[in-house]
């Protein structure tokens, strides 16, 4: 086992101290060979209570600090993160299975998030004022209080970081519950926050499985929850929060994302964008293309033939293999089983296999890319298959493709490959998605813009640059430095 950060202990971080949880023992296993990466005890309901007490105790001081002070601390975290980037990337790659080159880009994105979040806070939720005859109108923003961040396993560093940083900058105290599949990456990240000098109680790490998350989400002291993960869990949280309008809920969920391809001059360029859309991170990105719309005819036939040939040659190996692989394993053997079962269900329902996904000899969590043609199916399930399983749908007209692309309850990401600007404009105006790309992979998104979707992909609270919006609430004030009598009295009043 490669121990990337020697100070991991498998503990919780509560009120500025590392301690053993009082819940059941659980562990994370490296997907490539299933060795133990981390083991510890989950946070119990009692541990969760203690964390809320500590957060409430820390909140007033943290919220009352100037934004400049909080920004200085986040920059100190960024400096430590940059210094430990390689160690964290190696640990992250080992725990998730993603190739080391990709883990390095994730840690780099975590560093870049700091300055982006500082700028977003100032631009979107800073203090603004307007002079008036009597004084001024002032717009300020206040933190919600104690918020929770539930992190995913596919980007266990970058995605929780995208909630934690803006939440702390706004003055909130944060309870961080990472995925039970990636506790080691979370622990290493929180240790860097501790070294940066964050006061006790401001950020606390609550490791655990479903019971821990349920205890946090149901806690009466919770002011908000920021969740990245599956649509099913997001829907459960939405129902749980439905009767409590006082808590803010930001949901970043999945997608059954379409990619529409038109005939282009450079067929290989179209194939490369498709591979990047469907198979990067072993298909474990919420923005990955799940449905590929290909025109009927000779060009479409040639494109599919070339896509299959390229997908068949993608290098798949463990995270630290040389030469570097394009794909690693999926997160677990259980996830691989689910993908293989999903492929079989599609075939049983009338789909045609173009490139069979198969389990590889490298390990139980390794699968090859799968491509199935579902054009002849009477009804294609509206499901997000979270892995390298791509469904092909042949079409005759662009309007037919757009209508098919919109035939989903999701609305996260959508892509258009084609060189006719008018066609792209038609696609852009008709498609229902929060991320819409042209001749770029569906997985590409800028941290300087919002990130999120509609429908079952979220609840209209996009993250990335817009995370500042849900980390604070606006306070509008009319202020005068001294009392002064109005020059004109309202009707019915005499002084």
Protein backbone atom coordinates (compact mmCIF):
# COMPACT_ATOMS: atom_id res chain seq x y z
CA UNK A 1 0.00 0.00 0.00
CA UNK A 2 1.25 3.47 -0.87
CA UNK A 3 0.78 5.71 2.17
CA UNK A 4 0.80 9.17 0.64
CA UNK A 5 0.29 11.15 3.84
CA UNK A 6 1.76 9.54 6.94
CA UNK A 7 -0.32 11.49 9.46
CA UNK A 8 -3.66 9.88 8.59
CA UNK A 9 -5.20 8.30 11.68
CA UNK A 10 -8.77 7.40 10.80
CA UNK A 11 -10.29 9.89 13.21
CA UNK A 12 -12.90 12.63 13.33
CA UNK A 13 -11.95 16.29 13.71
CA UNK A 14 -14.20 17.89 16.33
CA UNK A 15 -13.73 21.31 17.91
CA UNK A 16 -10.07 21.53 16.97
CA UNK A 17 -9.07 18.02 18.09
CA UNK A 18 -8.69 14.65 16.42
CA UNK A 19 -10.68 11.93 18.13
CA UNK A 20 -12.09 8.46 17.62
CA UNK A 21 -15.72 8.33 16.55
CA UNK A 22 -18.17 6.41 18.69
CA UNK A 23 -20.03 4.81 15.77
CA UNK A 24 -19.34 1.60 13.85
CA UNK A 25 -16.00 0.87 12.16
CA UNK A 26 -15.80 1.24 8.39
CA UNK A 27 -13.01 1.41 5.82
CA UNK A 28 -12.17 2.56 2.32
CA UNK A 29 -10.58 0.19 -0.18
CA UNK A 30 -8.36 1.10 -3.11
CA UNK A 31 -10.35 0.20 -6.24
CA UNK A 32 -7.39 -1.19 -8.17
CA UNK A 33 -6.55 -4.03 -5.75
CA UNK A 34 -8.99 -3.59 -2.84
CA UNK A 35 -6.34 -3.05 -0.17
CA UNK A 36 -7.36 -0.93 2.81
CA UNK A 37 -6.53 2.77 2.43
CA UNK A 38 -8.26 4.04 5.57
CA UNK A 39 -10.09 2.64 8.58
CA UNK A 40 -11.90 4.45 11.37
CA UNK A 41 -15.09 4.81 13.35
CA UNK A 42 -18.12 6.66 12.05
CA UNK A 43 -19.52 9.69 13.84
CA UNK A 44 -22.49 8.68 15.96
CA UNK A 45 -25.55 10.84 16.69
CA UNK A 46 -23.80 11.88 19.92
CA UNK A 47 -20.69 12.94 17.97
CA UNK A 48 -22.91 14.94 15.62
CA UNK A 49 -24.51 16.70 18.61
CA UNK A 50 -21.05 17.59 19.94
CA UNK A 51 -20.04 18.99 16.55
CA UNK A 52 -23.08 21.26 16.40
CA UNK A 53 -22.38 22.54 19.94
CA UNK A 54 -18.79 23.36 18.96
CA UNK A 55 -19.87 25.01 15.72
CA UNK A 56 -22.41 27.22 17.49
CA UNK A 57 -19.76 28.21 20.00
CA UNK A 58 -17.35 29.18 17.21
CA UNK A 59 -19.84 30.87 14.92
CA UNK A 60 -20.13 34.42 16.35
CA UNK A 61 -16.37 35.02 16.44
CA UNK A 62 -15.86 33.59 12.94
CA UNK A 63 -18.79 35.51 11.43
CA UNK A 64 -17.72 38.76 13.10
CA UNK A 65 -14.23 38.64 11.63
CA UNK A 66 -13.60 40.80 8.61
CA UNK A 67 -13.78 39.24 5.19
CA UNK A 68 -10.07 40.06 4.81
CA UNK A 69 -9.22 37.91 7.84
CA UNK A 70 -11.20 34.97 6.54
CA UNK A 71 -9.65 35.37 3.10
CA UNK A 72 -6.15 35.36 4.63
CA UNK A 73 -6.86 32.02 6.28
CA UNK A 74 -8.19 30.48 3.08
CA UNK A 75 -5.08 31.69 1.24
CA UNK A 76 -2.93 30.06 3.92
CA UNK A 77 -4.81 26.82 3.21
CA UNK A 78 -4.12 27.27 -0.52
CA UNK A 79 -0.40 27.70 0.17
CA UNK A 80 -0.29 24.46 2.17
CA UNK A 81 -2.39 22.70 -0.44
CA UNK A 82 0.05 23.72 -3.14
CA UNK A 83 3.00 22.55 -1.06
CA UNK A 84 1.36 19.17 -0.41
CA UNK A 85 -0.17 18.85 -3.89
CA UNK A 86 1.75 15.77 -4.97
CA UNK A 87 1.16 13.87 -1.71
CA UNK A 88 -2.54 14.67 -1.77
CA UNK A 89 -2.84 13.78 -5.47
CA UNK A 90 -1.24 10.38 -4.86
CA UNK A 91 -3.55 9.64 -1.95
CA UNK A 92 -6.59 10.80 -3.94
CA UNK A 93 -5.60 8.66 -6.92
CA UNK A 94 -5.03 5.62 -4.74
CA UNK A 95 -8.39 5.99 -3.00
CA UNK A 96 -10.52 6.75 -6.08
CA UNK A 97 -8.62 4.78 -8.71
CA UNK A 98 -8.34 7.72 -11.10
CA UNK A 99 -5.00 8.08 -12.93
CA UNK A 100 -2.36 10.17 -11.18
CA UNK A 101 -2.33 12.77 -13.96
CA UNK A 102 -6.02 13.38 -13.40
CA UNK A 103 -5.69 13.50 -9.62
CA UNK A 104 -3.03 16.19 -10.05
CA UNK A 105 -5.44 18.30 -12.09
CA UNK A 106 -8.05 17.91 -9.35
CA UNK A 107 -5.71 19.19 -6.64
CA UNK A 108 -4.69 22.08 -8.91
CA UNK A 109 -8.38 22.96 -9.27
CA UNK A 110 -8.68 23.00 -5.48
CA UNK A 111 -5.87 25.56 -5.28
CA UNK A 112 -7.42 27.68 -8.03
CA UNK A 113 -10.78 27.65 -6.27
CA UNK A 114 -9.48 29.95 -3.50
CA UNK A 115 -8.96 33.11 -5.53
CA UNK A 116 -12.03 32.40 -7.66
CA UNK A 117 -14.15 32.15 -4.51
CA UNK A 118 -12.70 35.30 -3.00
CA UNK A 119 -13.52 37.21 -6.18
CA UNK A 120 -17.00 35.68 -6.41
CA UNK A 121 -17.79 36.64 -2.82
CA UNK A 122 -16.82 40.24 -3.45
CA UNK A 123 -18.69 40.52 -6.74
CA UNK A 124 -21.84 38.58 -5.91
CA UNK A 125 -22.30 38.97 -2.17
CA UNK A 126 -20.08 41.80 -1.00
CA UNK A 127 -21.15 45.10 0.54
CA UNK A 128 -22.69 47.75 -1.71
CA UNK A 129 -24.17 51.15 -0.92
CA UNK A 130 -26.07 53.98 -2.58
CA UNK A 131 -26.13 57.55 -1.26
CA UNK A 132 -29.51 59.19 -0.61
CA UNK A 133 -30.74 62.58 0.61
CA UNK A 134 -31.13 61.25 4.15
CA UNK A 135 -28.10 58.93 4.31
CA UNK A 136 -27.62 55.72 2.39
CA UNK A 137 -29.06 52.38 1.26
CA UNK A 138 -26.71 49.51 2.10
CA UNK A 139 -26.68 45.93 0.90
CA UNK A 140 -24.75 43.50 3.07
CA UNK A 141 -24.66 39.71 3.31
CA UNK A 142 -24.72 37.53 6.38
CA UNK A 143 -23.74 33.86 6.79
CA UNK A 144 -26.48 31.32 7.42
CA UNK A 145 -24.79 29.89 10.50
CA UNK A 146 -23.88 26.20 10.74
CA UNK A 147 -24.02 24.42 7.39
CA UNK A 148 -23.14 20.90 6.29
CA UNK A 149 -21.25 19.81 3.19
CA UNK A 150 -21.84 16.26 1.92
CA UNK A 151 -19.12 15.29 -0.54
CA UNK A 152 -19.04 12.76 -3.41
CA UNK A 153 -16.46 10.08 -4.17
CA UNK A 154 -15.70 10.95 -7.79
CA UNK A 155 -14.04 14.31 -6.96
CA UNK A 156 -13.46 13.97 -3.19
CA UNK A 157 -11.14 16.96 -3.08
CA UNK A 158 -12.42 19.45 -5.63
CA UNK A 159 -16.19 19.21 -5.21
CA UNK A 160 -16.42 19.49 -1.38
CA UNK A 161 -13.78 22.22 -1.61
CA UNK A 162 -16.12 24.11 -3.94
CA UNK A 163 -18.69 24.32 -1.13
CA UNK A 164 -16.39 24.57 1.91
CA UNK A 165 -14.29 27.50 0.69
CA UNK A 166 -17.17 29.88 -0.17
CA UNK A 167 -19.05 28.82 2.97
CA UNK A 168 -16.09 29.68 5.19
CA UNK A 169 -15.40 32.92 3.34
CA UNK A 170 -19.00 33.98 3.96
CA UNK A 171 -18.57 33.38 7.70
CA UNK A 172 -20.35 30.05 8.15
CA UNK A 173 -19.15 27.18 10.30
CA UNK A 174 -19.04 23.92 8.35
CA UNK A 175 -19.64 20.27 9.20
CA UNK A 176 -18.01 18.19 6.47
CA UNK A 177 -19.30 14.66 5.89
CA UNK A 178 -17.37 13.11 2.96
CA UNK A 179 -18.35 10.05 1.00
CA UNK A 180 -17.78 6.88 2.98
CA UNK A 181 -15.80 5.66 -0.04
CA UNK A 182 -13.19 8.44 0.17
CA UNK A 183 -12.57 9.29 3.85
CA UNK A 184 -8.77 9.43 3.54
CA UNK A 185 -8.78 12.28 1.02
CA UNK A 186 -11.16 14.23 3.25
CA UNK A 187 -9.03 13.70 6.35
CA UNK A 188 -5.88 14.84 4.56
CA UNK A 189 -7.66 17.98 3.33
CA UNK A 190 -9.00 18.91 6.76
CA UNK A 191 -5.52 18.45 8.26
CA UNK A 192 -4.30 21.17 5.91
CA UNK A 193 -7.10 23.49 7.09
CA UNK A 194 -6.02 22.78 10.67
CA UNK A 195 -2.40 23.63 9.81
CA UNK A 196 -3.58 26.85 8.16
CA UNK A 197 -4.82 28.04 11.57
CA UNK A 198 -8.58 27.70 11.25
CA UNK A 199 -10.11 28.22 14.74
CA UNK A 200 -11.60 25.21 16.56
CA UNK A 201 -15.19 24.46 15.64
CA UNK A 202 -15.18 26.39 12.35
CA UNK A 203 -14.62 23.31 10.16
CA UNK A 204 -15.27 19.84 11.55
CA UNK A 205 -14.90 16.45 9.89
CA UNK A 206 -17.63 13.89 10.53
CA UNK A 207 -16.72 10.60 8.88
CA UNK A 208 -19.38 7.98 8.41
CA UNK A 209 -21.91 6.22 6.27
CA UNK A 210 -25.64 6.77 5.78
CA UNK A 211 -26.54 7.00 9.49
CA UNK A 212 -24.06 9.82 10.04
CA UNK A 213 -25.44 11.80 7.11
CA UNK A 214 -29.00 11.25 8.30
CA UNK A 215 -28.13 12.52 11.80
CA UNK A 216 -26.59 15.69 10.37
CA UNK A 217 -29.40 16.39 7.90
CA UNK A 218 -32.09 15.96 10.57
CA UNK A 219 -30.37 17.99 13.26
CA UNK A 220 -32.41 20.95 14.54
CA UNK A 221 -29.31 23.18 14.67
CA UNK A 222 -28.57 22.79 10.96
CA UNK A 223 -29.00 26.01 8.92
CA UNK A 224 -28.17 24.65 5.48
CA UNK A 225 -26.86 21.67 3.55
CA UNK A 226 -24.81 21.58 0.36
CA UNK A 227 -24.95 18.18 -1.31
CA UNK A 228 -23.19 16.70 -4.34
CA UNK A 229 -24.21 13.20 -5.32
CA UNK A 230 -26.93 10.99 -6.71
CA UNK A 231 -30.37 12.16 -7.76
CA UNK A 232 -31.99 9.59 -5.47
CA UNK A 233 -30.29 10.93 -2.34
CA UNK A 234 -30.86 14.51 -3.45
CA UNK A 235 -34.59 13.83 -3.82
CA UNK A 236 -34.70 12.33 -0.32
CA UNK A 237 -33.02 15.43 1.11
CA UNK A 238 -35.40 17.69 -0.81
CA UNK A 239 -38.40 15.92 0.69
CA UNK A 240 -36.84 16.04 4.15
CA UNK A 241 -36.33 19.81 3.89
CA UNK A 242 -39.73 20.49 2.30
CA UNK A 243 -41.43 21.38 5.59
CA UNK A 244 -38.61 23.66 6.77
CA UNK A 245 -38.23 26.72 4.58
CA UNK A 246 -35.74 28.23 7.03
CA UNK A 247 -32.93 25.93 5.92
CA UNK A 248 -31.16 26.40 2.62
CA UNK A 249 -30.51 23.33 0.48
CA UNK A 250 -28.17 23.37 -2.51
CA UNK A 251 -28.31 20.21 -4.62
CA UNK A 252 -25.73 19.29 -7.25
CA UNK A 253 -26.95 16.02 -8.76
CA UNK A 254 -26.37 13.85 -11.82
CA UNK A 255 -27.43 13.87 -15.44
CA UNK A 256 -28.47 11.69 -18.36
CA UNK A 257 -26.50 14.00 -20.59
CA UNK A 258 -26.93 14.11 -24.39
CA UNK A 259 -24.25 14.74 -27.00
CA UNK A 260 -25.54 15.48 -30.51
CA UNK A 261 -23.10 14.93 -33.37
CA UNK A 262 -23.41 16.39 -36.86
CA UNK A 263 -21.18 15.63 -39.84
CA UNK A 264 -17.89 17.54 -39.53
CA UNK A 265 -14.74 17.67 -41.66
CA UNK A 266 -12.40 16.33 -38.95
CA UNK A 267 -13.95 13.04 -37.92
CA UNK A 268 -11.15 12.22 -35.46
CA UNK A 269 -11.63 15.53 -33.66
CA UNK A 270 -15.30 14.62 -33.15
CA UNK A 271 -14.30 11.18 -31.87
CA UNK A 272 -11.80 12.68 -29.40
CA UNK A 273 -14.41 15.06 -27.98
CA UNK A 274 -16.79 12.11 -27.65
CA UNK A 275 -14.23 10.01 -25.79
CA UNK A 276 -13.52 12.94 -23.46
CA UNK A 277 -17.25 13.37 -22.92
CA UNK A 278 -18.12 9.73 -22.25
CA UNK A 279 -15.09 7.96 -20.80
CA UNK A 280 -12.92 10.40 -18.87
CA UNK A 281 -12.70 9.50 -15.15
CA UNK A 282 -14.02 6.08 -16.21
CA UNK A 283 -17.31 7.79 -16.97
CA UNK A 284 -17.68 8.87 -13.33
CA UNK A 285 -18.39 12.55 -13.86
CA UNK A 286 -21.88 13.93 -13.48
CA UNK A 287 -21.34 15.80 -16.77
CA UNK A 288 -20.28 12.75 -18.79
CA UNK A 289 -22.24 12.10 -21.98
CA UNK A 290 -24.59 9.14 -21.47
CA UNK A 291 -26.56 9.39 -24.74
CA UNK A 292 -24.89 9.94 -28.11
CA UNK A 293 -27.08 11.12 -31.00
CA UNK A 294 -25.55 10.20 -34.37
CA UNK A 295 -26.99 11.00 -37.83
CA UNK A 296 -28.05 8.10 -40.02
CA UNK A 297 -26.01 7.70 -43.18
CA UNK A 298 -22.45 7.07 -44.33
CA UNK A 299 -20.79 9.76 -42.21
CA UNK A 300 -22.52 8.56 -39.06
CA UNK A 301 -21.54 4.96 -39.82
CA UNK A 302 -17.89 5.97 -40.29
CA UNK A 303 -17.94 8.03 -37.09
CA UNK A 304 -19.30 5.16 -35.00
CA UNK A 305 -16.81 2.73 -36.51
CA UNK A 306 -13.94 5.07 -35.63
CA UNK A 307 -15.31 5.73 -32.13
CA UNK A 308 -15.47 2.00 -31.42
CA UNK A 309 -11.92 1.51 -32.71
CA UNK A 310 -10.54 4.30 -30.50
CA UNK A 311 -12.52 3.23 -27.42
CA UNK A 312 -11.22 -0.30 -27.82
CA UNK A 313 -7.61 0.95 -27.58
CA UNK A 314 -7.98 3.23 -24.54
CA UNK A 315 -5.27 2.41 -22.01
CA UNK A 316 -6.80 1.18 -18.75
CA UNK A 317 -4.63 0.45 -15.71
CA UNK A 318 -3.98 1.23 -12.05
CA UNK A 319 -3.55 4.85 -10.98
CA UNK A 320 0.27 4.85 -10.88
CA UNK A 321 0.96 2.64 -13.91
CA UNK A 322 3.58 3.59 -16.50
CA UNK A 323 2.90 4.59 -19.17
CA UNK A 324 -0.02 6.52 -17.66
CA UNK A 325 -3.46 5.12 -18.42
CA UNK A 326 -6.41 7.10 -19.73
CA UNK A 327 -8.84 5.30 -17.42
CA UNK A 328 -8.57 3.60 -14.08
CA UNK A 329 -11.14 1.37 -12.42
CA UNK A 330 -14.57 2.52 -11.31
CA UNK A 331 -14.89 3.23 -7.60
CA UNK A 332 -15.60 -0.36 -6.50
CA UNK A 333 -16.35 -3.90 -7.58
CA UNK A 334 -19.96 -3.24 -6.61
CA UNK A 335 -20.10 -0.28 -9.00
CA UNK A 336 -18.63 -2.44 -11.77
CA UNK A 337 -21.27 -5.11 -11.10
CA UNK A 338 -24.02 -2.48 -11.38
CA UNK A 339 -22.70 -1.22 -14.73
CA UNK A 340 -22.43 -4.71 -16.21
CA UNK A 341 -25.96 -5.44 -15.02
CA UNK A 342 -27.23 -2.20 -16.57
CA UNK A 343 -25.64 -3.13 -19.90
CA UNK A 344 -27.34 -6.52 -19.79
CA UNK A 345 -30.73 -4.98 -19.00
CA UNK A 346 -30.43 -2.74 -22.06
CA UNK A 347 -29.49 -5.69 -24.26
CA UNK A 348 -32.38 -7.73 -22.90
CA UNK A 349 -34.75 -4.84 -23.72
CA UNK A 350 -33.69 -4.67 -27.37
CA UNK A 351 -30.41 -2.72 -27.47
CA UNK A 352 -27.58 -3.86 -29.74
CA UNK A 353 -24.02 -4.12 -28.45
CA UNK A 354 -21.47 -2.17 -30.51
CA UNK A 355 -18.62 -2.54 -28.03
CA UNK A 356 -19.23 -4.84 -25.08
CA UNK A 357 -18.27 -3.59 -21.65
CA UNK A 358 -16.40 -6.37 -19.90
CA UNK A 359 -14.65 -6.91 -16.60
CA UNK A 360 -10.87 -6.85 -17.00
CA UNK A 361 -8.28 -9.14 -15.45
CA UNK A 362 -6.66 -6.12 -13.75
CA UNK A 363 -9.12 -6.31 -10.84
CA UNK A 364 -12.80 -6.58 -9.96
CA UNK A 365 -13.42 -2.81 -10.33
CA UNK A 366 -11.86 -2.57 -13.79
CA UNK A 367 -14.25 -2.48 -16.74
CA UNK A 368 -13.70 -1.60 -20.37
CA UNK A 369 -15.82 1.05 -22.15
CA UNK A 370 -19.19 -0.14 -23.39
CA UNK A 371 -21.19 1.22 -26.33
CA UNK A 372 -24.75 0.06 -27.03
CA UNK A 373 -27.14 1.14 -29.79
CA UNK A 374 -30.56 1.74 -28.23
CA UNK A 375 -32.20 3.19 -31.37
CA UNK A 376 -34.55 0.23 -31.81
CA UNK A 377 -35.75 0.17 -28.21
CA UNK A 378 -39.39 1.10 -27.76
CA UNK A 379 -38.61 2.93 -24.53
CA UNK A 380 -35.12 3.81 -23.32
CA UNK A 381 -34.86 4.07 -19.51
CA UNK A 382 -34.11 7.60 -18.30
CA UNK A 383 -31.25 6.52 -16.06
CA UNK A 384 -27.79 7.83 -15.24
CA UNK A 385 -25.35 4.95 -15.64
CA UNK A 386 -22.40 6.27 -13.67
CA UNK A 387 -19.53 4.77 -15.59
CA UNK A 388 -18.15 4.18 -19.09
CA UNK A 389 -21.41 2.99 -20.68
CA UNK A 390 -22.50 5.03 -23.70
CA UNK A 391 -25.87 4.68 -25.48
CA UNK A 392 -26.07 5.49 -29.21
CA UNK A 393 -29.29 6.82 -30.76
CA UNK A 394 -29.45 7.26 -34.55
CA UNK A 395 -31.56 10.14 -35.95
CA UNK A 396 -32.68 11.65 -39.25
CA UNK A 397 -33.15 15.37 -38.50
CA UNK A 398 -31.66 17.83 -36.04
CA UNK A 399 -35.07 18.60 -34.58
CA UNK A 400 -35.57 14.88 -33.96
CA UNK A 401 -32.22 14.73 -32.16
CA UNK A 402 -32.98 17.78 -30.01
CA UNK A 403 -36.38 16.38 -29.06
CA UNK A 404 -34.74 13.09 -28.11
CA UNK A 405 -32.03 14.87 -26.14
CA UNK A 406 -34.69 16.69 -24.11
CA UNK A 407 -36.52 13.45 -23.38
CA UNK A 408 -35.12 13.22 -19.86
CA UNK A 409 -36.02 14.40 -16.39
CA UNK A 410 -32.43 15.58 -15.97
CA UNK A 411 -30.88 18.78 -17.24
CA UNK A 412 -27.22 19.08 -16.29
CA UNK A 413 -24.97 19.03 -19.35
CA UNK A 414 -25.48 18.86 -23.12
CA UNK A 415 -23.09 19.02 -26.05
CA UNK A 416 -23.24 19.80 -29.76
CA UNK A 417 -20.58 18.77 -32.27
CA UNK A 418 -21.07 20.50 -35.59
CA UNK A 419 -19.75 23.37 -37.71
CA UNK A 420 -22.99 25.10 -38.68
CA UNK A 421 -23.43 28.09 -36.36
CA UNK A 422 -27.14 28.35 -37.13
CA UNK A 423 -27.63 24.71 -36.14
CA UNK A 424 -25.77 25.26 -32.90
CA UNK A 425 -27.90 28.33 -32.20
CA UNK A 426 -31.05 26.25 -32.71
CA UNK A 427 -29.66 23.58 -30.38
CA UNK A 428 -28.65 26.17 -27.76
CA UNK A 429 -32.10 27.76 -27.71
CA UNK A 430 -34.01 24.48 -27.55
CA UNK A 431 -31.93 22.27 -25.25
CA UNK A 432 -32.76 22.15 -21.55
CA UNK A 433 -29.53 22.04 -19.56
CA UNK A 434 -27.45 24.23 -17.29
CA UNK A 435 -24.18 23.51 -19.15
CA UNK A 436 -24.32 23.69 -22.96
CA UNK A 437 -21.10 23.19 -24.94
CA UNK A 438 -20.25 23.51 -28.62
CA UNK A 439 -17.42 21.46 -30.13
CA UNK A 440 -16.12 20.87 -26.62
CA UNK A 441 -16.61 17.85 -24.33
CA UNK A 442 -19.72 17.84 -22.17
CA UNK A 443 -17.36 17.50 -19.20
CA UNK A 444 -15.75 20.91 -19.73
CA UNK A 445 -16.83 23.74 -17.42
CA UNK A 446 -15.21 26.94 -16.18
CA UNK A 447 -14.81 27.56 -12.46
CA UNK A 448 -15.33 31.25 -13.19
CA UNK A 449 -18.92 30.56 -14.25
CA UNK A 450 -21.83 28.80 -12.50
CA UNK A 451 -22.04 25.02 -12.47
CA UNK A 452 -25.36 23.22 -12.16
CA UNK A 453 -28.46 22.00 -13.89
CA UNK A 454 -32.23 21.96 -13.90
CA UNK A 455 -34.88 19.30 -13.43
CA UNK A 456 -33.60 16.26 -11.56
CA UNK A 457 -30.03 17.59 -11.85
CA UNK A 458 -30.40 20.14 -9.07
CA UNK A 459 -32.59 22.75 -7.46
CA UNK A 460 -31.56 25.92 -9.30
CA UNK A 461 -28.67 26.71 -6.97
CA UNK A 462 -25.61 26.32 -9.18
CA UNK A 463 -22.19 26.05 -7.56
CA UNK A 464 -18.71 27.11 -8.77
CA UNK A 465 -18.74 30.92 -9.15
CA UNK A 466 -22.34 31.12 -7.93
CA UNK A 467 -21.69 29.18 -4.71
CA UNK A 468 -21.38 32.54 -2.97
CA UNK A 469 -25.11 33.04 -3.58
CA UNK A 470 -26.23 30.19 -1.32
CA UNK A 471 -23.56 30.65 1.34
CA UNK A 472 -24.99 33.96 2.58
CA UNK A 473 -28.29 35.80 2.66
CA UNK A 474 -28.78 39.49 1.71
CA UNK A 475 -29.56 42.18 4.29
CA UNK A 476 -30.87 45.47 2.85
CA UNK A 477 -30.68 48.55 5.10
CA UNK A 478 -31.70 52.20 4.91
CA UNK A 479 -29.36 54.16 7.22
CA UNK A 480 -29.02 57.75 8.39
CA UNK A 481 -26.17 58.90 10.66
CA UNK A 482 -28.49 61.10 12.75
CA UNK A 483 -32.18 61.74 13.25
CA UNK A 484 -33.64 64.47 11.09
CA UNK A 485 -37.20 65.60 10.49
CA UNK A 486 -38.64 64.86 7.08
CA UNK A 487 -39.05 67.95 4.90
CA UNK A 488 -42.52 66.81 3.95
CA UNK A 489 -44.86 65.07 6.37
CA UNK A 490 -46.99 62.16 5.17
CA UNK A 491 -50.73 62.75 4.88
CA UNK A 492 -52.59 62.65 8.19
CA UNK A 493 -49.53 63.44 10.36
CA UNK A 494 -48.89 66.75 12.12
CA UNK A 495 -45.92 67.65 14.33
